[in-house]
PDB file of all heavy atoms in Angstrom:
ATOM      1  N   GLU A   1     -36.431  21.950   4.516  1.00  0.00           N
ATOM      2  CA  GLU A   1     -36.112  23.026   3.568  1.00  0.00           C
ATOM      3  C   GLU A   1     -35.561  22.448   2.272  1.00  0.00           C
ATOM      4  O   GLU A   1     -35.903  22.909   1.189  1.00  0.00           O
ATOM      5  CB  GLU A   1     -35.119  24.002   4.191  1.00  0.00           C
ATOM      6  CG  GLU A   1     -35.708  24.866   5.277  1.00  0.00           C
ATOM      7  CD  GLU A   1     -34.681  25.717   5.993  1.00  0.00           C
ATOM      8  OE1 GLU A   1     -33.480  25.639   5.671  1.00  0.00           O
ATOM      9  OE2 GLU A   1     -35.081  26.472   6.895  1.00  0.00           O
ATOM     10  N   GLU A   2     -34.700  21.441   2.389  1.00  0.00           N
ATOM     11  CA  GLU A   2     -34.117  20.801   1.206  1.00  0.00           C
ATOM     12  C   GLU A   2     -35.201  20.109   0.386  1.00  0.00           C
ATOM     13  O   GLU A   2     -35.211  20.189  -0.846  1.00  0.00           O
ATOM     14  CB  GLU A   2     -33.048  19.797   1.632  1.00  0.00           C
ATOM     15  CG  GLU A   2     -32.077  19.418   0.555  1.00  0.00           C
ATOM     16  CD  GLU A   2     -31.239  20.575   0.068  1.00  0.00           C
ATOM     17  OE1 GLU A   2     -30.899  21.490   0.837  1.00  0.00           O
ATOM     18  OE2 GLU A   2     -30.899  20.568  -1.131  1.00  0.00           O
ATOM     19  N   SER A   3     -36.131  19.467   1.056  1.00  0.00           N
ATOM     20  CA  SER A   3     -37.229  18.788   0.381  1.00  0.00           C
ATOM     21  C   SER A   3     -38.102  19.803  -0.361  1.00  0.00           C
ATOM     22  O   SER A   3     -38.491  19.575  -1.511  1.00  0.00           O
ATOM     23  CB  SER A   3     -38.055  18.005   1.401  1.00  0.00           C
ATOM     24  OG  SER A   3     -39.149  17.397   0.776  1.00  0.00           O
ATOM     25  N   LEU A   4     -38.404  20.912   0.280  1.00  0.00           N
ATOM     26  CA  LEU A   4     -39.207  21.957  -0.351  1.00  0.00           C
ATOM     27  C   LEU A   4     -38.480  22.525  -1.563  1.00  0.00           C
ATOM     28  O   LEU A   4     -39.071  22.717  -2.628  1.00  0.00           O
ATOM     29  CB  LEU A   4     -39.516  23.072   0.644  1.00  0.00           C
ATOM     30  CG  LEU A   4     -40.315  24.250   0.109  1.00  0.00           C
ATOM     31  CD1 LEU A   4     -41.668  23.797  -0.428  1.00  0.00           C
ATOM     32  CD2 LEU A   4     -40.489  25.301   1.182  1.00  0.00           C
ATOM     33  N   LYS A   5     -37.177  22.762  -1.424  1.00  0.00           N
ATOM     34  CA  LYS A   5     -36.384  23.285  -2.540  1.00  0.00           C
ATOM     35  C   LYS A   5     -36.415  22.295  -3.707  1.00  0.00           C
ATOM     36  O   LYS A   5     -36.584  22.704  -4.859  1.00  0.00           O
ATOM     37  CB  LYS A   5     -34.948  23.537  -2.091  1.00  0.00           C
ATOM     38  CG  LYS A   5     -34.123  24.283  -3.116  1.00  0.00           C
ATOM     39  CD  LYS A   5     -32.690  24.480  -2.677  1.00  0.00           C
ATOM     40  CE  LYS A   5     -32.584  25.419  -1.522  1.00  0.00           C
ATOM     41  NZ  LYS A   5     -31.192  25.722  -1.153  1.00  0.00           N
ATOM     42  N   ASN A   6     -36.277  21.008  -3.417  1.00  0.00           N
ATOM     43  CA  ASN A   6     -36.309  19.998  -4.475  1.00  0.00           C
ATOM     44  C   ASN A   6     -37.660  19.980  -5.189  1.00  0.00           C
ATOM     45  O   ASN A   6     -37.724  19.842  -6.405  1.00  0.00           O
ATOM     46  CB  ASN A   6     -36.001  18.613  -3.903  1.00  0.00           C
ATOM     47  CG  ASN A   6     -34.544  18.462  -3.537  1.00  0.00           C
ATOM     48  OD1 ASN A   6     -33.683  19.177  -4.032  1.00  0.00           O
ATOM     49  ND2 ASN A   6     -34.265  17.543  -2.632  1.00  0.00           N
ATOM     50  N   GLU A   7     -38.748  20.124  -4.418  1.00  0.00           N
ATOM     51  CA  GLU A   7     -40.075  20.181  -5.027  1.00  0.00           C
ATOM     52  C   GLU A   7     -40.227  21.392  -5.923  1.00  0.00           C
ATOM     53  O   GLU A   7     -40.801  21.297  -7.016  1.00  0.00           O
ATOM     54  CB  GLU A   7     -41.150  20.200  -3.944  1.00  0.00           C
ATOM     55  CG  GLU A   7     -41.355  18.869  -3.252  1.00  0.00           C
ATOM     56  CD  GLU A   7     -42.443  18.936  -2.190  1.00  0.00           C
ATOM     57  OE1 GLU A   7     -43.456  19.632  -2.436  1.00  0.00           O
ATOM     58  OE2 GLU A   7     -42.273  18.306  -1.151  1.00  0.00           O
ATOM     59  N   LEU A   8     -39.725  22.532  -5.487  1.00  0.00           N
ATOM     60  CA  LEU A   8     -39.803  23.751  -6.296  1.00  0.00           C
ATOM     61  C   LEU A   8     -38.994  23.608  -7.578  1.00  0.00           C
ATOM     62  O   LEU A   8     -39.450  24.010  -8.657  1.00  0.00           O
ATOM     63  CB  LEU A   8     -39.330  24.957  -5.490  1.00  0.00           C
ATOM     64  CG  LEU A   8     -40.214  25.363  -4.316  1.00  0.00           C
ATOM     65  CD1 LEU A   8     -39.534  26.441  -3.476  1.00  0.00           C
ATOM     66  CD2 LEU A   8     -41.569  25.843  -4.801  1.00  0.00           C
ATOM     67  N   VAL A   9     -37.814  23.034  -7.480  1.00  0.00           N
ATOM     68  CA  VAL A   9     -36.967  22.832  -8.666  1.00  0.00           C
ATOM     69  C   VAL A   9     -37.654  21.875  -9.635  1.00  0.00           C
ATOM     70  O   VAL A   9     -37.677  22.122 -10.846  1.00  0.00           O
ATOM     71  CB  VAL A   9     -35.561  22.307  -8.255  1.00  0.00           C
ATOM     72  CG1 VAL A   9     -34.784  21.830  -9.456  1.00  0.00           C
ATOM     73  CG2 VAL A   9     -34.795  23.414  -7.529  1.00  0.00           C
ATOM     74  N   GLN A  10     -38.270  20.823  -9.115  1.00  0.00           N
ATOM     75  CA  GLN A  10     -38.988  19.889  -9.984  1.00  0.00           C
ATOM     76  C   GLN A  10     -40.164  20.596 -10.660  1.00  0.00           C
ATOM     77  O   GLN A  10     -40.470  20.337 -11.831  1.00  0.00           O
ATOM     78  CB  GLN A  10     -39.475  18.673  -9.197  1.00  0.00           C
ATOM     79  CG  GLN A  10     -38.408  17.638  -8.959  1.00  0.00           C
ATOM     80  CD  GLN A  10     -37.781  17.172 -10.243  1.00  0.00           C
ATOM     81  OE1 GLN A  10     -36.617  17.474 -10.504  1.00  0.00           O
ATOM     82  NE2 GLN A  10     -38.510  16.457 -11.056  1.00  0.00           N
ATOM     83  N   GLY A  11     -40.831  21.474  -9.937  1.00  0.00           N
ATOM     84  CA  GLY A  11     -41.934  22.234 -10.526  1.00  0.00           C
ATOM     85  C   GLY A  11     -41.470  23.116 -11.661  1.00  0.00           C
ATOM     86  O   GLY A  11     -42.132  23.212 -12.700  1.00  0.00           O
ATOM     87  N   VAL A  12     -40.329  23.742 -11.485  1.00  0.00           N
ATOM     88  CA  VAL A  12     -39.759  24.584 -12.556  1.00  0.00           C
ATOM     89  C   VAL A  12     -39.380  23.721 -13.750  1.00  0.00           C
ATOM     90  O   VAL A  12     -39.627  24.106 -14.902  1.00  0.00           O
ATOM     91  CB  VAL A  12     -38.536  25.377 -12.031  1.00  0.00           C
ATOM     92  CG1 VAL A  12     -37.800  26.063 -13.181  1.00  0.00           C
ATOM     93  CG2 VAL A  12     -38.964  26.393 -10.996  1.00  0.00           C
ATOM     94  N   ALA A  13     -38.810  22.550 -13.505  1.00  0.00           N
ATOM     95  CA  ALA A  13     -38.456  21.643 -14.599  1.00  0.00           C
ATOM     96  C   ALA A  13     -39.703  21.240 -15.376  1.00  0.00           C
ATOM     97  O   ALA A  13     -39.690  21.205 -16.622  1.00  0.00           O
ATOM     98  CB  ALA A  13     -37.735  20.406 -14.062  1.00  0.00           C
ATOM     99  N   GLU A  14     -40.800  20.958 -14.686  1.00  0.00           N
ATOM    100  CA  GLU A  14     -42.058  20.608 -15.356  1.00  0.00           C
ATOM    101  C   GLU A  14     -42.604  21.773 -16.174  1.00  0.00           C
ATOM    102  O   GLU A  14     -43.105  21.596 -17.285  1.00  0.00           O
ATOM    103  CB  GLU A  14     -43.099  20.137 -14.336  1.00  0.00           C
ATOM    104  CG  GLU A  14     -42.881  18.739 -13.833  1.00  0.00           C
ATOM    105  CD  GLU A  14     -42.974  17.700 -14.937  1.00  0.00           C
ATOM    106  OE1 GLU A  14     -43.912  17.753 -15.756  1.00  0.00           O
ATOM    107  OE2 GLU A  14     -42.091  16.826 -14.979  1.00  0.00           O
ATOM    108  N   GLU A  15     -42.510  22.975 -15.605  1.00  0.00           N
ATOM    109  CA  GLU A  15     -42.980  24.171 -16.324  1.00  0.00           C
ATOM    110  C   GLU A  15     -42.175  24.381 -17.601  1.00  0.00           C
ATOM    111  O   GLU A  15     -42.732  24.650 -18.673  1.00  0.00           O
ATOM    112  CB  GLU A  15     -42.866  25.384 -15.422  1.00  0.00           C
ATOM    113  CG  GLU A  15     -43.421  26.639 -16.020  1.00  0.00           C
ATOM    114  CD  GLU A  15     -43.333  27.836 -15.080  1.00  0.00           C
ATOM    115  OE1 GLU A  15     -42.875  27.690 -13.936  1.00  0.00           O
ATOM    116  OE2 GLU A  15     -43.739  28.919 -15.515  1.00  0.00           O
ATOM    117  N   LEU A  16     -40.852  24.250 -17.511  1.00  0.00           N
ATOM    118  CA  LEU A  16     -40.010  24.395 -18.699  1.00  0.00           C
ATOM    119  C   LEU A  16     -40.298  23.309 -19.722  1.00  0.00           C
ATOM    120  O   LEU A  16     -40.285  23.570 -20.928  1.00  0.00           O
ATOM    121  CB  LEU A  16     -38.526  24.367 -18.303  1.00  0.00           C
ATOM    122  CG  LEU A  16     -38.014  25.608 -17.602  1.00  0.00           C
ATOM    123  CD1 LEU A  16     -36.592  25.378 -17.079  1.00  0.00           C
ATOM    124  CD2 LEU A  16     -38.044  26.812 -18.528  1.00  0.00           C
ATOM    125  N   LYS A  17     -40.567  22.104 -19.238  1.00  0.00           N
ATOM    126  CA  LYS A  17     -40.910  20.998 -20.140  1.00  0.00           C
ATOM    127  C   LYS A  17     -42.143  21.354 -20.963  1.00  0.00           C
ATOM    128  O   LYS A  17     -42.186  21.143 -22.168  1.00  0.00           O
ATOM    129  CB  LYS A  17     -41.139  19.725 -19.331  1.00  0.00           C
ATOM    130  CG  LYS A  17     -41.558  18.540 -20.148  1.00  0.00           C
ATOM    131  CD  LYS A  17     -41.821  17.339 -19.255  1.00  0.00           C
ATOM    132  CE  LYS A  17     -42.338  16.164 -20.061  1.00  0.00           C
ATOM    133  NZ  LYS A  17     -42.643  15.002 -19.229  1.00  0.00           N
ATOM    134  N   LYS A  18     -43.150  21.906 -20.294  1.00  0.00           N
ATOM    135  CA  LYS A  18     -44.389  22.289 -20.998  1.00  0.00           C
ATOM    136  C   LYS A  18     -44.147  23.442 -21.963  1.00  0.00           C
ATOM    137  O   LYS A  18     -44.659  23.450 -23.075  1.00  0.00           O
ATOM    138  CB  LYS A  18     -45.462  22.654 -19.987  1.00  0.00           C
ATOM    139  CG  LYS A  18     -46.007  21.470 -19.230  1.00  0.00           C
ATOM    140  CD  LYS A  18     -46.998  21.886 -18.164  1.00  0.00           C
ATOM    141  CE  LYS A  18     -47.424  20.682 -17.333  1.00  0.00           C
ATOM    142  NZ  LYS A  18     -48.282  21.075 -16.217  1.00  0.00           N
ATOM    143  N   LEU A  19     -43.360  24.424 -21.526  1.00  0.00           N
ATOM    144  CA  LEU A  19     -43.096  25.591 -22.380  1.00  0.00           C
ATOM    145  C   LEU A  19     -42.283  25.226 -23.611  1.00  0.00           C
ATOM    146  O   LEU A  19     -42.533  25.742 -24.712  1.00  0.00           O
ATOM    147  CB  LEU A  19     -42.346  26.662 -21.588  1.00  0.00           C
ATOM    148  CG  LEU A  19     -43.143  27.429 -20.542  1.00  0.00           C
ATOM    149  CD1 LEU A  19     -42.199  28.258 -19.671  1.00  0.00           C
ATOM    150  CD2 LEU A  19     -44.164  28.320 -21.214  1.00  0.00           C
ATOM    151  N   LEU A  20     -41.296  24.361 -23.434  1.00  0.00           N
ATOM    152  CA  LEU A  20     -40.380  24.032 -24.519  1.00  0.00           C
ATOM    153  C   LEU A  20     -40.808  22.792 -25.305  1.00  0.00           C
ATOM    154  O   LEU A  20     -40.303  22.548 -26.393  1.00  0.00           O
ATOM    155  CB  LEU A  20     -38.962  23.828 -23.972  1.00  0.00           C
ATOM    156  CG  LEU A  20     -38.336  25.058 -23.307  1.00  0.00           C
ATOM    157  CD1 LEU A  20     -37.033  24.702 -22.627  1.00  0.00           C
ATOM    158  CD2 LEU A  20     -38.133  26.174 -24.327  1.00  0.00           C
ATOM    159  N   GLY A  21     -41.691  21.996 -24.723  1.00  0.00           N
ATOM    160  CA  GLY A  21     -42.163  20.797 -25.430  1.00  0.00           C
ATOM    161  C   GLY A  21     -41.153  19.680 -25.478  1.00  0.00           C
ATOM    162  O   GLY A  21     -41.187  18.850 -26.395  1.00  0.00           O
ATOM    163  N   THR A  22     -40.246  19.636 -24.510  1.00  0.00           N
ATOM    164  CA  THR A  22     -39.242  18.577 -24.482  1.00  0.00           C
ATOM    165  C   THR A  22     -38.784  18.349 -23.051  1.00  0.00           C
ATOM    166  O   THR A  22     -39.076  19.149 -22.152  1.00  0.00           O
ATOM    167  CB  THR A  22     -38.044  18.914 -25.395  1.00  0.00           C
ATOM    168  OG1 THR A  22     -37.213  17.763 -25.539  1.00  0.00           O
ATOM    169  CG2 THR A  22     -37.226  20.081 -24.855  1.00  0.00           C
ATOM    170  N   LYS A  23     -38.059  17.269 -22.833  1.00  0.00           N
ATOM    171  CA  LYS A  23     -37.590  16.929 -21.494  1.00  0.00           C
ATOM    172  C   LYS A  23     -36.580  17.966 -20.998  1.00  0.00           C
ATOM    173  O   LYS A  23     -35.688  18.394 -21.723  1.00  0.00           O
ATOM    174  CB  LYS A  23     -36.923  15.546 -21.526  1.00  0.00           C
ATOM    175  CG  LYS A  23     -36.426  15.071 -20.181  1.00  0.00           C
ATOM    176  CD  LYS A  23     -35.814  13.684 -20.287  1.00  0.00           C
ATOM    177  CE  LYS A  23     -35.268  13.254 -18.934  1.00  0.00           C
ATOM    178  NZ  LYS A  23     -34.626  11.940 -19.022  1.00  0.00           N
ATOM    179  N   VAL A  24     -36.756  18.375 -19.733  1.00  0.00           N
ATOM    180  CA  VAL A  24     -35.853  19.322 -19.095  1.00  0.00           C
ATOM    181  C   VAL A  24     -35.470  18.752 -17.733  1.00  0.00           C
ATOM    182  O   VAL A  24     -36.320  18.290 -16.981  1.00  0.00           O
ATOM    183  CB  VAL A  24     -36.533  20.704 -18.890  1.00  0.00           C
ATOM    184  CG1 VAL A  24     -35.632  21.640 -18.109  1.00  0.00           C
ATOM    185  CG2 VAL A  24     -36.893  21.318 -20.234  1.00  0.00           C
ATOM    186  N   THR A  25     -34.186  18.744 -17.433  1.00  0.00           N
ATOM    187  CA  THR A  25     -33.731  18.307 -16.117  1.00  0.00           C
ATOM    188  C   THR A  25     -32.933  19.436 -15.482  1.00  0.00           C
ATOM    189  O   THR A  25     -32.236  20.194 -16.165  1.00  0.00           O
ATOM    190  CB  THR A  25     -32.850  17.045 -16.186  1.00  0.00           C
ATOM    191  OG1 THR A  25     -31.764  17.265 -17.081  1.00  0.00           O
ATOM    192  CG2 THR A  25     -33.640  15.844 -16.660  1.00  0.00           C
ATOM    193  N   ILE A  26     -33.074  19.545 -14.164  1.00  0.00           N
ATOM    194  CA  ILE A  26     -32.357  20.569 -13.406  1.00  0.00           C
ATOM    195  C   ILE A  26     -31.542  19.880 -12.342  1.00  0.00           C
ATOM    196  O   ILE A  26     -32.069  19.115 -11.543  1.00  0.00           O
ATOM    197  CB  ILE A  26     -33.316  21.596 -12.782  1.00  0.00           C
ATOM    198  CG1 ILE A  26     -34.142  22.291 -13.862  1.00  0.00           C
ATOM    199  CG2 ILE A  26     -32.540  22.607 -11.948  1.00  0.00           C
ATOM    200  CD1 ILE A  26     -35.180  23.248 -13.337  1.00  0.00           C
ATOM    201  N   ASP A  27     -30.249  20.147 -12.349  1.00  0.00           N
ATOM    202  CA  ASP A  27     -29.333  19.643 -11.333  1.00  0.00           C
ATOM    203  C   ASP A  27     -29.002  20.824 -10.432  1.00  0.00           C
ATOM    204  O   ASP A  27     -28.221  21.703 -10.814  1.00  0.00           O
ATOM    205  CB  ASP A  27     -28.079  19.078 -11.995  1.00  0.00           C
ATOM    206  CG  ASP A  27     -27.054  18.575 -11.001  1.00  0.00           C
ATOM    207  OD1 ASP A  27     -27.408  18.338  -9.827  1.00  0.00           O
ATOM    208  OD2 ASP A  27     -25.888  18.396 -11.404  1.00  0.00           O
ATOM    209  N   TYR A  28     -29.636  20.886  -9.265  1.00  0.00           N
ATOM    210  CA  TYR A  28     -29.526  22.034  -8.370  1.00  0.00           C
ATOM    211  C   TYR A  28     -28.923  21.555  -7.061  1.00  0.00           C
ATOM    212  O   TYR A  28     -29.440  20.630  -6.445  1.00  0.00           O
ATOM    213  CB  TYR A  28     -30.919  22.622  -8.150  1.00  0.00           C
ATOM    214  CG  TYR A  28     -30.950  23.902  -7.361  1.00  0.00           C
ATOM    215  CD1 TYR A  28     -30.868  25.113  -8.020  1.00  0.00           C
ATOM    216  CD2 TYR A  28     -31.064  23.900  -5.988  1.00  0.00           C
ATOM    217  CE1 TYR A  28     -30.913  26.308  -7.321  1.00  0.00           C
ATOM    218  CE2 TYR A  28     -31.099  25.089  -5.282  1.00  0.00           C
ATOM    219  CZ  TYR A  28     -31.026  26.289  -5.953  1.00  0.00           C
ATOM    220  OH  TYR A  28     -31.062  27.462  -5.247  1.00  0.00           O
ATOM    221  N   ASN A  29     -27.824  22.175  -6.639  1.00  0.00           N
ATOM    222  CA  ASN A  29     -27.233  21.736  -5.377  1.00  0.00           C
ATOM    223  C   ASN A  29     -27.531  22.717  -4.257  1.00  0.00           C
ATOM    224  O   ASN A  29     -28.099  23.772  -4.469  1.00  0.00           O
ATOM    225  CB  ASN A  29     -25.725  21.478  -5.532  1.00  0.00           C
ATOM    226  CG  ASN A  29     -24.917  22.737  -5.730  1.00  0.00           C
ATOM    227  OD1 ASN A  29     -25.263  23.781  -5.217  1.00  0.00           O
ATOM    228  ND2 ASN A  29     -23.838  22.636  -6.484  1.00  0.00           N
ATOM    229  N   SER A  30     -27.141  22.360  -3.079  1.00  0.00           N
ATOM    230  CA  SER A  30     -27.489  23.145  -1.895  1.00  0.00           C
ATOM    231  C   SER A  30     -26.762  24.481  -1.807  1.00  0.00           C
ATOM    232  O   SER A  30     -27.072  25.299  -0.965  1.00  0.00           O
ATOM    233  CB  SER A  30     -27.208  22.326  -0.636  1.00  0.00           C
ATOM    234  OG  SER A  30     -25.841  21.999  -0.571  1.00  0.00           O
ATOM    235  N   LYS A  31     -25.813  24.724  -2.670  1.00  0.00           N
ATOM    236  CA  LYS A  31     -25.075  25.997  -2.665  1.00  0.00           C
ATOM    237  C   LYS A  31     -25.629  26.960  -3.703  1.00  0.00           C
ATOM    238  O   LYS A  31     -24.952  27.872  -4.140  1.00  0.00           O
ATOM    239  CB  LYS A  31     -23.594  25.739  -2.920  1.00  0.00           C
ATOM    240  CG  LYS A  31     -22.944  24.910  -1.825  1.00  0.00           C
ATOM    241  CD  LYS A  31     -21.502  24.648  -2.118  1.00  0.00           C
ATOM    242  CE  LYS A  31     -20.914  23.745  -1.042  1.00  0.00           C
ATOM    243  NZ  LYS A  31     -19.565  23.343  -1.337  1.00  0.00           N
ATOM    244  N   SER A  32     -26.877  26.745  -4.109  1.00  0.00           N
ATOM    245  CA  SER A  32     -27.567  27.592  -5.081  1.00  0.00           C
ATOM    246  C   SER A  32     -26.850  27.670  -6.420  1.00  0.00           C
ATOM    247  O   SER A  32     -26.818  28.701  -7.077  1.00  0.00           O
ATOM    248  CB  SER A  32     -27.773  29.004  -4.518  1.00  0.00           C
ATOM    249  OG  SER A  32     -28.556  28.953  -3.361  1.00  0.00           O
TER     250      SER A  32
END
């Protein structure tokens, strides 16, 4: 579940990167 959540968060970071045209990082912990 943690691995899947990390993949989803990385996918969102990539989507934001494309939308905004710049590097985006997401620091997401297990407590939402």
